PDB file of all heavy atoms in Angstrom:
ATOM      1  N   MET A   1       7.572   6.835  -2.686  1.00  0.00           N
ATOM      2  CA  MET A   1       7.293   6.051  -1.485  1.00  0.00           C
ATOM      3  C   MET A   1       7.652   6.824  -0.235  1.00  0.00           C
ATOM      4  O   MET A   1       8.674   7.506  -0.189  1.00  0.00           O
ATOM      5  CB  MET A   1       8.089   4.741  -1.519  1.00  0.00           C
ATOM      6  CG  MET A   1       7.734   3.761  -0.415  1.00  0.00           C
ATOM      7  SD  MET A   1       8.930   2.415  -0.297  1.00  0.00           S
ATOM      8  CE  MET A   1      10.236   3.219   0.636  1.00  0.00           C
ATOM      9  N   THR A   2       6.799   6.744   0.774  1.00  0.00           N
ATOM     10  CA  THR A   2       7.126   7.284   2.087  1.00  0.00           C
ATOM     11  C   THR A   2       7.032   6.166   3.108  1.00  0.00           C
ATOM     12  O   THR A   2       6.242   5.231   2.957  1.00  0.00           O
ATOM     13  CB  THR A   2       6.188   8.428   2.501  1.00  0.00           C
ATOM     14  OG1 THR A   2       4.835   7.938   2.597  1.00  0.00           O
ATOM     15  CG2 THR A   2       6.240   9.568   1.495  1.00  0.00           C
ATOM     16  N   GLN A   3       7.862   6.284   4.152  1.00  0.00           N
ATOM     17  CA  GLN A   3       7.860   5.284   5.213  1.00  0.00           C
ATOM     18  C   GLN A   3       8.047   5.995   6.540  1.00  0.00           C
ATOM     19  O   GLN A   3       8.916   6.861   6.680  1.00  0.00           O
ATOM     20  CB  GLN A   3       8.977   4.259   4.988  1.00  0.00           C
ATOM     21  CG  GLN A   3       8.815   2.992   5.790  1.00  0.00           C
ATOM     22  CD  GLN A   3       9.659   1.854   5.239  1.00  0.00           C
ATOM     23  OE1 GLN A   3      10.596   2.062   4.480  1.00  0.00           O
ATOM     24  NE2 GLN A   3       9.330   0.625   5.611  1.00  0.00           N
ATOM     25  N   GLN A   4       7.220   5.656   7.517  1.00  0.00           N
ATOM     26  CA  GLN A   4       7.210   6.341   8.796  1.00  0.00           C
ATOM     27  C   GLN A   4       8.080   5.599   9.804  1.00  0.00           C
ATOM     28  O   GLN A   4       7.604   5.112  10.826  1.00  0.00           O
ATOM     29  CB  GLN A   4       5.771   6.487   9.280  1.00  0.00           C
ATOM     30  CG  GLN A   4       4.949   7.408   8.390  1.00  0.00           C
ATOM     31  CD  GLN A   4       3.482   7.448   8.735  1.00  0.00           C
ATOM     32  OE1 GLN A   4       2.626   7.481   7.859  1.00  0.00           O
ATOM     33  NE2 GLN A   4       3.148   7.465  10.014  1.00  0.00           N
ATOM     34  N   GLY A   5       9.388   5.539   9.483  1.00  0.00           N
ATOM     35  CA  GLY A   5      10.334   4.855  10.340  1.00  0.00           C
ATOM     36  C   GLY A   5      11.077   3.788   9.564  1.00  0.00           C
ATOM     37  O   GLY A   5      11.237   3.870   8.350  1.00  0.00           O
ATOM     38  N   GLY A   6      11.541   2.747  10.270  1.00  0.00           N
ATOM     39  CA  GLY A   6      12.354   1.702   9.671  1.00  0.00           C
ATOM     40  C   GLY A   6      11.545   0.503   9.216  1.00  0.00           C
ATOM     41  O   GLY A   6      10.403   0.622   8.759  1.00  0.00           O
ATOM     42  N   TYR A   7      12.133  -0.691   9.380  1.00  0.00           N
ATOM     43  CA  TYR A   7      11.469  -1.920   8.959  1.00  0.00           C
ATOM     44  C   TYR A   7      10.091  -2.045   9.617  1.00  0.00           C
ATOM     45  O   TYR A   7       9.918  -1.812  10.812  1.00  0.00           O
ATOM     46  CB  TYR A   7      12.302  -3.142   9.357  1.00  0.00           C
ATOM     47  CG  TYR A   7      13.572  -3.329   8.578  1.00  0.00           C
ATOM     48  CD1 TYR A   7      14.737  -3.747   9.211  1.00  0.00           C
ATOM     49  CD2 TYR A   7      13.618  -3.118   7.211  1.00  0.00           C
ATOM     50  CE1 TYR A   7      15.924  -3.949   8.507  1.00  0.00           C
ATOM     51  CE2 TYR A   7      14.791  -3.317   6.488  1.00  0.00           C
ATOM     52  CZ  TYR A   7      15.934  -3.728   7.149  1.00  0.00           C
ATOM     53  OH  TYR A   7      17.096  -3.909   6.439  1.00  0.00           O
ATOM     54  N   GLY A   8       9.103  -2.449   8.811  1.00  0.00           N
ATOM     55  CA  GLY A   8       7.781  -2.744   9.338  1.00  0.00           C
ATOM     56  C   GLY A   8       6.927  -1.544   9.670  1.00  0.00           C
ATOM     57  O   GLY A   8       5.840  -1.701  10.249  1.00  0.00           O
ATOM     58  N   LYS A   9       7.365  -0.340   9.294  1.00  0.00           N
ATOM     59  CA  LYS A   9       6.569   0.848   9.612  1.00  0.00           C
ATOM     60  C   LYS A   9       5.711   1.240   8.409  1.00  0.00           C
ATOM     61  O   LYS A   9       6.004   0.883   7.268  1.00  0.00           O
ATOM     62  CB  LYS A   9       7.496   2.000  10.017  1.00  0.00           C
ATOM     63  CG  LYS A   9       8.439   1.636  11.161  1.00  0.00           C
ATOM     64  CD  LYS A   9       7.683   1.075  12.373  1.00  0.00           C
ATOM     65  CE  LYS A   9       8.614   0.651  13.505  1.00  0.00           C
ATOM     66  NZ  LYS A   9       9.208  -0.675  13.278  1.00  0.00           N
ATOM     67  N   THR A  10       4.656   1.990   8.665  1.00  0.00           N
ATOM     68  CA  THR A  10       3.659   2.324   7.652  1.00  0.00           C
ATOM     69  C   THR A  10       4.320   2.850   6.383  1.00  0.00           C
ATOM     70  O   THR A  10       5.074   3.818   6.408  1.00  0.00           O
ATOM     71  CB  THR A  10       2.671   3.373   8.190  1.00  0.00           C
ATOM     72  OG1 THR A  10       2.010   2.833   9.332  1.00  0.00           O
ATOM     73  CG2 THR A  10       1.638   3.725   7.126  1.00  0.00           C
ATOM     74  N   THR A  11       4.037   2.182   5.272  1.00  0.00           N
ATOM     75  CA  THR A  11       4.613   2.520   3.974  1.00  0.00           C
ATOM     76  C   THR A  11       3.502   2.900   3.015  1.00  0.00           C
ATOM     77  O   THR A  11       2.513   2.174   2.884  1.00  0.00           O
ATOM     78  CB  THR A  11       5.396   1.328   3.401  1.00  0.00           C
ATOM     79  OG1 THR A  11       6.443   0.966   4.316  1.00  0.00           O
ATOM     80  CG2 THR A  11       5.996   1.658   2.047  1.00  0.00           C
ATOM     81  N   SER A  12       3.653   4.046   2.347  1.00  0.00           N
ATOM     82  CA  SER A  12       2.668   4.522   1.380  1.00  0.00           C
ATOM     83  C   SER A  12       3.305   4.591   0.001  1.00  0.00           C
ATOM     84  O   SER A  12       4.416   5.096  -0.142  1.00  0.00           O
ATOM     85  CB  SER A  12       2.138   5.900   1.776  1.00  0.00           C
ATOM     86  OG  SER A  12       1.485   5.860   3.033  1.00  0.00           O
ATOM     87  N   ILE A  13       2.599   4.069  -0.993  1.00  0.00           N
ATOM     88  CA  ILE A  13       3.064   4.072  -2.378  1.00  0.00           C
ATOM     89  C   ILE A  13       2.185   5.021  -3.185  1.00  0.00           C
ATOM     90  O   ILE A  13       0.961   4.861  -3.232  1.00  0.00           O
ATOM     91  CB  ILE A  13       3.005   2.660  -2.993  1.00  0.00           C
ATOM     92  CG1 ILE A  13       3.929   1.709  -2.235  1.00  0.00           C
ATOM     93  CG2 ILE A  13       3.363   2.702  -4.474  1.00  0.00           C
ATOM     94  CD1 ILE A  13       5.389   2.033  -2.338  1.00  0.00           C
ATOM     95  N   PHE A  14       2.808   6.026  -3.797  1.00  0.00           N
ATOM     96  CA  PHE A  14       2.098   6.972  -4.658  1.00  0.00           C
ATOM     97  C   PHE A  14       2.545   6.697  -6.100  1.00  0.00           C
ATOM     98  O   PHE A  14       3.663   7.037  -6.473  1.00  0.00           O
ATOM     99  CB  PHE A  14       2.421   8.408  -4.273  1.00  0.00           C
ATOM    100  CG  PHE A  14       2.134   8.728  -2.820  1.00  0.00           C
ATOM    101  CD1 PHE A  14       3.155   8.704  -1.879  1.00  0.00           C
ATOM    102  CD2 PHE A  14       0.856   9.046  -2.410  1.00  0.00           C
ATOM    103  CE1 PHE A  14       2.905   9.001  -0.552  1.00  0.00           C
ATOM    104  CE2 PHE A  14       0.591   9.340  -1.075  1.00  0.00           C
ATOM    105  CZ  PHE A  14       1.609   9.313  -0.144  1.00  0.00           C
ATOM    106  N   MET A  15       1.685   6.078  -6.873  1.00  0.00           N
ATOM    107  CA  MET A  15       2.039   5.729  -8.240  1.00  0.00           C
ATOM    108  C   MET A  15       1.555   6.822  -9.182  1.00  0.00           C
ATOM    109  O   MET A  15       0.372   7.141  -9.231  1.00  0.00           O
ATOM    110  CB  MET A  15       1.439   4.377  -8.639  1.00  0.00           C
ATOM    111  CG  MET A  15       1.954   3.869  -9.975  1.00  0.00           C
ATOM    112  SD  MET A  15       1.352   2.211 -10.414  1.00  0.00           S
ATOM    113  CE  MET A  15       2.165   1.210  -9.187  1.00  0.00           C
ATOM    114  N   ARG A  16       2.485   7.407  -9.917  1.00  0.00           N
ATOM    115  CA  ARG A  16       2.201   8.527 -10.818  1.00  0.00           C
ATOM    116  C   ARG A  16       1.442   9.649 -10.102  1.00  0.00           C
ATOM    117  O   ARG A  16       0.567  10.281 -10.668  1.00  0.00           O
ATOM    118  CB  ARG A  16       1.430   8.054 -12.045  1.00  0.00           C
ATOM    119  CG  ARG A  16       2.288   7.277 -13.031  1.00  0.00           C
ATOM    120  CD  ARG A  16       1.601   7.052 -14.350  1.00  0.00           C
ATOM    121  NE  ARG A  16       2.559   6.598 -15.360  1.00  0.00           N
ATOM    122  CZ  ARG A  16       2.247   6.308 -16.622  1.00  0.00           C
ATOM    123  NH1 ARG A  16       0.998   6.442 -17.022  1.00  0.00           N
ATOM    124  NH2 ARG A  16       3.170   5.921 -17.468  1.00  0.00           N
ATOM    125  N   GLY A  17       1.792   9.882  -8.861  1.00  0.00           N
ATOM    126  CA  GLY A  17       1.243  11.002  -8.109  1.00  0.00           C
ATOM    127  C   GLY A  17      -0.141  10.798  -7.545  1.00  0.00           C
ATOM    128  O   GLY A  17      -0.672  11.692  -6.880  1.00  0.00           O
ATOM    129  N   THR A  18      -0.767   9.644  -7.779  1.00  0.00           N
ATOM    130  CA  THR A  18      -2.103   9.399  -7.241  1.00  0.00           C
ATOM    131  C   THR A  18      -2.012   9.042  -5.763  1.00  0.00           C
ATOM    132  O   THR A  18      -0.924   8.854  -5.206  1.00  0.00           O
ATOM    133  CB  THR A  18      -2.803   8.280  -8.022  1.00  0.00           C
ATOM    134  OG1 THR A  18      -2.014   7.080  -7.921  1.00  0.00           O
ATOM    135  CG2 THR A  18      -2.945   8.656  -9.492  1.00  0.00           C
ATOM    136  N   ASN A  19      -3.158   8.908  -5.113  1.00  0.00           N
ATOM    137  CA  ASN A  19      -3.182   8.622  -3.687  1.00  0.00           C
ATOM    138  C   ASN A  19      -2.661   7.217  -3.397  1.00  0.00           C
ATOM    139  O   ASN A  19      -2.628   6.345  -4.271  1.00  0.00           O
ATOM    140  CB  ASN A  19      -4.598   8.768  -3.132  1.00  0.00           C
ATOM    141  CG  ASN A  19      -5.045  10.213  -3.044  1.00  0.00           C
ATOM    142  OD1 ASN A  19      -4.226  11.139  -3.129  1.00  0.00           O
ATOM    143  ND2 ASN A  19      -6.333  10.435  -2.874  1.00  0.00           N
ATOM    144  N   SER A  20      -2.306   6.982  -2.136  1.00  0.00           N
ATOM    145  CA  SER A  20      -1.751   5.683  -1.757  1.00  0.00           C
ATOM    146  C   SER A  20      -2.790   4.571  -1.824  1.00  0.00           C
ATOM    147  O   SER A  20      -2.415   3.388  -1.840  1.00  0.00           O
ATOM    148  CB  SER A  20      -1.165   5.763  -0.344  1.00  0.00           C
ATOM    149  OG  SER A  20      -2.145   6.169   0.597  1.00  0.00           O
ATOM    150  N   ASP A  21      -4.082   4.917  -1.859  1.00  0.00           N
ATOM    151  CA  ASP A  21      -5.115   3.886  -2.015  1.00  0.00           C
ATOM    152  C   ASP A  21      -5.612   3.796  -3.458  1.00  0.00           C
ATOM    153  O   ASP A  21      -6.665   3.203  -3.718  1.00  0.00           O
ATOM    154  CB  ASP A  21      -6.294   4.139  -1.059  1.00  0.00           C
ATOM    155  CG  ASP A  21      -6.923   5.512  -1.231  1.00  0.00           C
ATOM    156  OD1 ASP A  21      -6.432   6.301  -2.069  1.00  0.00           O
ATOM    157  OD2 ASP A  21      -7.919   5.801  -0.532  1.00  0.00           O
ATOM    158  N   HIS A  22      -4.862   4.363  -4.384  1.00  0.00           N
ATOM    159  CA  HIS A  22      -5.195   4.297  -5.810  1.00  0.00           C
ATOM    160  C   HIS A  22      -4.334   3.268  -6.540  1.00  0.00           C
ATOM    161  O   HIS A  22      -4.168   3.343  -7.753  1.00  0.00           O
ATOM    162  CB  HIS A  22      -5.022   5.670  -6.464  1.00  0.00           C
ATOM    163  CG  HIS A  22      -6.065   6.656  -6.049  1.00  0.00           C
ATOM    164  ND1 HIS A  22      -5.970   8.003  -6.347  1.00  0.00           N
ATOM    165  CD2 HIS A  22      -7.222   6.508  -5.380  1.00  0.00           C
ATOM    166  CE1 HIS A  22      -7.030   8.638  -5.868  1.00  0.00           C
ATOM    167  NE2 HIS A  22      -7.801   7.740  -5.271  1.00  0.00           N
ATOM    168  N   VAL A  23      -3.775   2.314  -5.799  1.00  0.00           N
ATOM    169  CA  VAL A  23      -2.958   1.251  -6.376  1.00  0.00           C
ATOM    170  C   VAL A  23      -3.597  -0.081  -6.022  1.00  0.00           C
ATOM    171  O   VAL A  23      -3.799  -0.387  -4.839  1.00  0.00           O
ATOM    172  CB  VAL A  23      -1.512   1.303  -5.847  1.00  0.00           C
ATOM    173  CG1 VAL A  23      -0.685   0.165  -6.451  1.00  0.00           C
ATOM    174  CG2 VAL A  23      -0.865   2.638  -6.162  1.00  0.00           C
ATOM    175  N   LEU A  24      -3.939  -0.861  -7.022  1.00  0.00           N
ATOM    176  CA  LEU A  24      -4.457  -2.199  -6.786  1.00  0.00           C
ATOM    177  C   LEU A  24      -3.286  -3.147  -6.606  1.00  0.00           C
ATOM    178  O   LEU A  24      -2.361  -3.158  -7.414  1.00  0.00           O
ATOM    179  CB  LEU A  24      -5.322  -2.648  -7.962  1.00  0.00           C
ATOM    180  CG  LEU A  24      -5.841  -4.087  -7.900  1.00  0.00           C
ATOM    181  CD1 LEU A  24      -6.826  -4.255  -6.755  1.00  0.00           C
ATOM    182  CD2 LEU A  24      -6.479  -4.489  -9.223  1.00  0.00           C
ATOM    183  N   VAL A  25      -3.323  -3.950  -5.546  1.00  0.00           N
ATOM    184  CA  VAL A  25      -2.250  -4.894  -5.254  1.00  0.00           C
ATOM    185  C   VAL A  25      -2.820  -6.309  -5.274  1.00  0.00           C
ATOM    186  O   VAL A  25      -3.819  -6.607  -4.617  1.00  0.00           O
ATOM    187  CB  VAL A  25      -1.591  -4.595  -3.896  1.00  0.00           C
ATOM    188  CG1 VAL A  25      -0.443  -5.570  -3.635  1.00  0.00           C
ATOM    189  CG2 VAL A  25      -1.075  -3.156  -3.853  1.00  0.00           C
ATOM    190  N   LEU A  26      -2.177  -7.166  -6.051  1.00  0.00           N
ATOM    191  CA  LEU A  26      -2.561  -8.565  -6.164  1.00  0.00           C
ATOM    192  C   LEU A  26      -1.396  -9.445  -5.749  1.00  0.00           C
ATOM    193  O   LEU A  26      -0.237  -9.115  -6.007  1.00  0.00           O
ATOM    194  CB  LEU A  26      -2.951  -8.912  -7.609  1.00  0.00           C
ATOM    195  CG  LEU A  26      -4.000  -8.041  -8.298  1.00  0.00           C
ATOM    196  CD1 LEU A  26      -4.070  -8.383  -9.784  1.00  0.00           C
ATOM    197  CD2 LEU A  26      -5.368  -8.228  -7.654  1.00  0.00           C
ATOM    198  N   ILE A  27      -1.700 -10.560  -5.101  1.00  0.00           N
ATOM    199  CA  ILE A  27      -0.715 -11.601  -4.852  1.00  0.00           C
ATOM    200  C   ILE A  27      -1.229 -12.870  -5.509  1.00  0.00           C
ATOM    201  O   ILE A  27      -2.287 -13.384  -5.139  1.00  0.00           O
ATOM    202  CB  ILE A  27      -0.461 -11.826  -3.351  1.00  0.00           C
ATOM    203  CG1 ILE A  27       0.157 -10.566  -2.724  1.00  0.00           C
ATOM    204  CG2 ILE A  27       0.450 -13.022  -3.126  1.00  0.00           C
ATOM    205  CD1 ILE A  27       0.478 -10.694  -1.253  1.00  0.00           C
ATOM    206  N   ASP A  28      -0.516 -13.327  -6.534  1.00  0.00           N
ATOM    207  CA  ASP A  28      -0.938 -14.497  -7.311  1.00  0.00           C
ATOM    208  C   ASP A  28      -2.366 -14.352  -7.809  1.00  0.00           C
ATOM    209  O   ASP A  28      -3.151 -15.306  -7.798  1.00  0.00           O
ATOM    210  CB  ASP A  28      -0.785 -15.775  -6.484  1.00  0.00           C
ATOM    211  CG  ASP A  28       0.665 -16.123  -6.197  1.00  0.00           C
ATOM    212  OD1 ASP A  28       1.515 -15.839  -7.064  1.00  0.00           O
ATOM    213  OD2 ASP A  28       0.956 -16.662  -5.117  1.00  0.00           O
ATOM    214  N   GLY A  29      -2.722 -13.140  -8.240  1.00  0.00           N
ATOM    215  CA  GLY A  29      -4.041 -12.887  -8.806  1.00  0.00           C
ATOM    216  C   GLY A  29      -5.118 -12.607  -7.798  1.00  0.00           C
ATOM    217  O   GLY A  29      -6.268 -12.317  -8.180  1.00  0.00           O
ATOM    218  N   ILE A  30      -4.816 -12.651  -6.488  1.00  0.00           N
ATOM    219  CA  ILE A  30      -5.799 -12.427  -5.431  1.00  0.00           C
ATOM    220  C   ILE A  30      -5.631 -11.008  -4.879  1.00  0.00           C
ATOM    221  O   ILE A  30      -4.527 -10.608  -4.511  1.00  0.00           O
ATOM    222  CB  ILE A  30      -5.637 -13.450  -4.289  1.00  0.00           C
ATOM    223  CG1 ILE A  30      -5.715 -14.880  -4.837  1.00  0.00           C
ATOM    224  CG2 ILE A  30      -6.689 -13.223  -3.221  1.00  0.00           C
ATOM    225  CD1 ILE A  30      -7.007 -15.224  -5.523  1.00  0.00           C
ATOM    226  N   LYS A  31      -6.722 -10.251  -4.817  1.00  0.00           N
ATOM    227  CA  LYS A  31      -6.679  -8.888  -4.296  1.00  0.00           C
ATOM    228  C   LYS A  31      -6.364  -8.910  -2.809  1.00  0.00           C
ATOM    229  O   LYS A  31      -6.967  -9.659  -2.036  1.00  0.00           O
ATOM    230  CB  LYS A  31      -8.020  -8.193  -4.544  1.00  0.00           C
ATOM    231  CG  LYS A  31      -8.075  -6.740  -4.113  1.00  0.00           C
ATOM    232  CD  LYS A  31      -9.434  -6.136  -4.454  1.00  0.00           C
ATOM    233  CE  LYS A  31      -9.515  -4.668  -4.051  1.00  0.00           C
ATOM    234  NZ  LYS A  31     -10.822  -4.081  -4.408  1.00  0.00           N
ATOM    235  N   VAL A  32      -5.408  -8.072  -2.382  1.00  0.00           N
ATOM    236  CA  VAL A  32      -4.985  -8.041  -0.988  1.00  0.00           C
ATOM    237  C   VAL A  32      -5.109  -6.622  -0.446  1.00  0.00           C
ATOM    238  O   VAL A  32      -5.404  -5.676  -1.173  1.00  0.00           O
ATOM    239  CB  VAL A  32      -3.535  -8.548  -0.831  1.00  0.00           C
ATOM    240  CG1 VAL A  32      -3.412  -9.976  -1.315  1.00  0.00           C
ATOM    241  CG2 VAL A  32      -2.553  -7.646  -1.578  1.00  0.00           C
ATOM    242  N   GLY A  33      -4.871  -6.492   0.862  1.00  0.00           N
ATOM    243  CA  GLY A  33      -4.912  -5.183   1.503  1.00  0.00           C
ATOM    244  C   GLY A  33      -6.047  -5.089   2.502  1.00  0.00           C
ATOM    245  O   GLY A  33      -6.854  -6.008   2.668  1.00  0.00           O
ATOM    246  N   SER A  34      -6.102  -3.954   3.170  1.00  0.00           N
ATOM    247  CA  SER A  34      -7.110  -3.707   4.197  1.00  0.00           C
ATOM    248  C   SER A  34      -8.386  -3.166   3.567  1.00  0.00           C
ATOM    249  O   SER A  34      -8.359  -2.122   2.905  1.00  0.00           O
ATOM    250  CB  SER A  34      -6.574  -2.716   5.233  1.00  0.00           C
ATOM    251  OG  SER A  34      -7.607  -2.268   6.074  1.00  0.00           O
ATOM    252  N   ALA A  35      -9.515  -3.841   3.778  1.00  0.00           N
ATOM    253  CA  ALA A  35     -10.795  -3.346   3.273  1.00  0.00           C
ATOM    254  C   ALA A  35     -11.286  -2.163   4.083  1.00  0.00           C
ATOM    255  O   ALA A  35     -12.081  -1.354   3.587  1.00  0.00           O
ATOM    256  CB  ALA A  35     -11.834  -4.465   3.295  1.00  0.00           C
ATOM    257  N   SER A  36     -10.814  -2.030   5.326  1.00  0.00           N
ATOM    258  CA  SER A  36     -11.245  -0.894   6.148  1.00  0.00           C
ATOM    259  C   SER A  36     -10.474   0.371   5.790  1.00  0.00           C
ATOM    260  O   SER A  36     -11.063   1.442   5.611  1.00  0.00           O
ATOM    261  CB  SER A  36     -11.086  -1.220   7.634  1.00  0.00           C
ATOM    262  OG  SER A  36      -9.760  -1.612   7.922  1.00  0.00           O
ATOM    263  N   LEU A  37      -9.153   0.270   5.643  1.00  0.00           N
ATOM    264  CA  LEU A  37      -8.340   1.432   5.281  1.00  0.00           C
ATOM    265  C   LEU A  37      -8.328   1.691   3.778  1.00  0.00           C
ATOM    266  O   LEU A  37      -8.213   2.830   3.330  1.00  0.00           O
ATOM    267  CB  LEU A  37      -6.902   1.237   5.763  1.00  0.00           C
ATOM    268  CG  LEU A  37      -6.645   1.299   7.263  1.00  0.00           C
ATOM    269  CD1 LEU A  37      -5.197   0.932   7.555  1.00  0.00           C
ATOM    270  CD2 LEU A  37      -6.971   2.673   7.810  1.00  0.00           C
ATOM    271  N   GLY A  38      -8.374   0.622   2.982  1.00  0.00           N
ATOM    272  CA  GLY A  38      -8.285   0.767   1.532  1.00  0.00           C
ATOM    273  C   GLY A  38      -6.866   0.778   1.006  1.00  0.00           C
ATOM    274  O   GLY A  38      -6.653   1.032  -0.176  1.00  0.00           O
ATOM    275  N   THR A  39      -5.889   0.487   1.864  1.00  0.00           N
ATOM    276  CA  THR A  39      -4.483   0.473   1.448  1.00  0.00           C
ATOM    277  C   THR A  39      -3.876  -0.902   1.734  1.00  0.00           C
ATOM    278  O   THR A  39      -4.477  -1.741   2.421  1.00  0.00           O
ATOM    279  CB  THR A  39      -3.668   1.545   2.186  1.00  0.00           C
ATOM    280  OG1 THR A  39      -3.803   1.352   3.606  1.00  0.00           O
ATOM    281  CG2 THR A  39      -4.158   2.936   1.820  1.00  0.00           C
ATOM    282  N   THR A  40      -2.657  -1.104   1.221  1.00  0.00           N
ATOM    283  CA  THR A  40      -1.960  -2.381   1.373  1.00  0.00           C
ATOM    284  C   THR A  40      -0.726  -2.195   2.245  1.00  0.00           C
ATOM    285  O   THR A  40       0.060  -1.280   2.000  1.00  0.00           O
ATOM    286  CB  THR A  40      -1.547  -2.931   0.002  1.00  0.00           C
ATOM    287  OG1 THR A  40      -2.716  -3.130  -0.796  1.00  0.00           O
ATOM    288  CG2 THR A  40      -0.799  -4.246   0.144  1.00  0.00           C
ATOM    289  N   PRO A  41      -0.519  -3.045   3.243  1.00  0.00           N
ATOM    290  CA  PRO A  41       0.685  -2.943   4.086  1.00  0.00           C
ATOM    291  C   PRO A  41       1.896  -3.574   3.404  1.00  0.00           C
ATOM    292  O   PRO A  41       2.289  -4.707   3.706  1.00  0.00           O
ATOM    293  CB  PRO A  41       0.278  -3.693   5.359  1.00  0.00           C
ATOM    294  CG  PRO A  41      -0.692  -4.724   4.880  1.00  0.00           C
ATOM    295  CD  PRO A  41      -1.432  -4.092   3.724  1.00  0.00           C
ATOM    296  N   PHE A  42       2.501  -2.853   2.477  1.00  0.00           N
ATOM    297  CA  PHE A  42       3.671  -3.367   1.766  1.00  0.00           C
ATOM    298  C   PHE A  42       4.774  -3.783   2.735  1.00  0.00           C
ATOM    299  O   PHE A  42       5.558  -4.691   2.435  1.00  0.00           O
ATOM    300  CB  PHE A  42       4.211  -2.297   0.811  1.00  0.00           C
ATOM    301  CG  PHE A  42       3.282  -1.949  -0.317  1.00  0.00           C
ATOM    302  CD1 PHE A  42       2.407  -0.886  -0.220  1.00  0.00           C
ATOM    303  CD2 PHE A  42       3.284  -2.695  -1.485  1.00  0.00           C
ATOM    304  CE1 PHE A  42       1.550  -0.558  -1.260  1.00  0.00           C
ATOM    305  CE2 PHE A  42       2.430  -2.382  -2.525  1.00  0.00           C
ATOM    306  CZ  PHE A  42       1.562  -1.308  -2.423  1.00  0.00           C
ATOM    307  N   GLU A  43       4.842  -3.116   3.884  1.00  0.00           N
ATOM    308  CA  GLU A  43       5.920  -3.362   4.834  1.00  0.00           C
ATOM    309  C   GLU A  43       5.852  -4.756   5.444  1.00  0.00           C
ATOM    310  O   GLU A  43       6.845  -5.237   6.004  1.00  0.00           O
ATOM    311  CB  GLU A  43       5.891  -2.304   5.939  1.00  0.00           C
ATOM    312  CG  GLU A  43       4.636  -2.296   6.804  1.00  0.00           C
ATOM    313  CD  GLU A  43       3.504  -1.448   6.253  1.00  0.00           C
ATOM    314  OE1 GLU A  43       3.543  -1.108   5.057  1.00  0.00           O
ATOM    315  OE2 GLU A  43       2.570  -1.133   7.014  1.00  0.00           O
TER     316      GLU A  43
END
């Protein structure tokens, strides 16, 4: 994980070395995240 600062700053998750947009994130079975960027704001 990388984070560009403290609380609420851009956070990137690299799972098994893949890109930060190679992780599917679901909340209660619903796909979440930015459709424009392709990443999820975990922060």
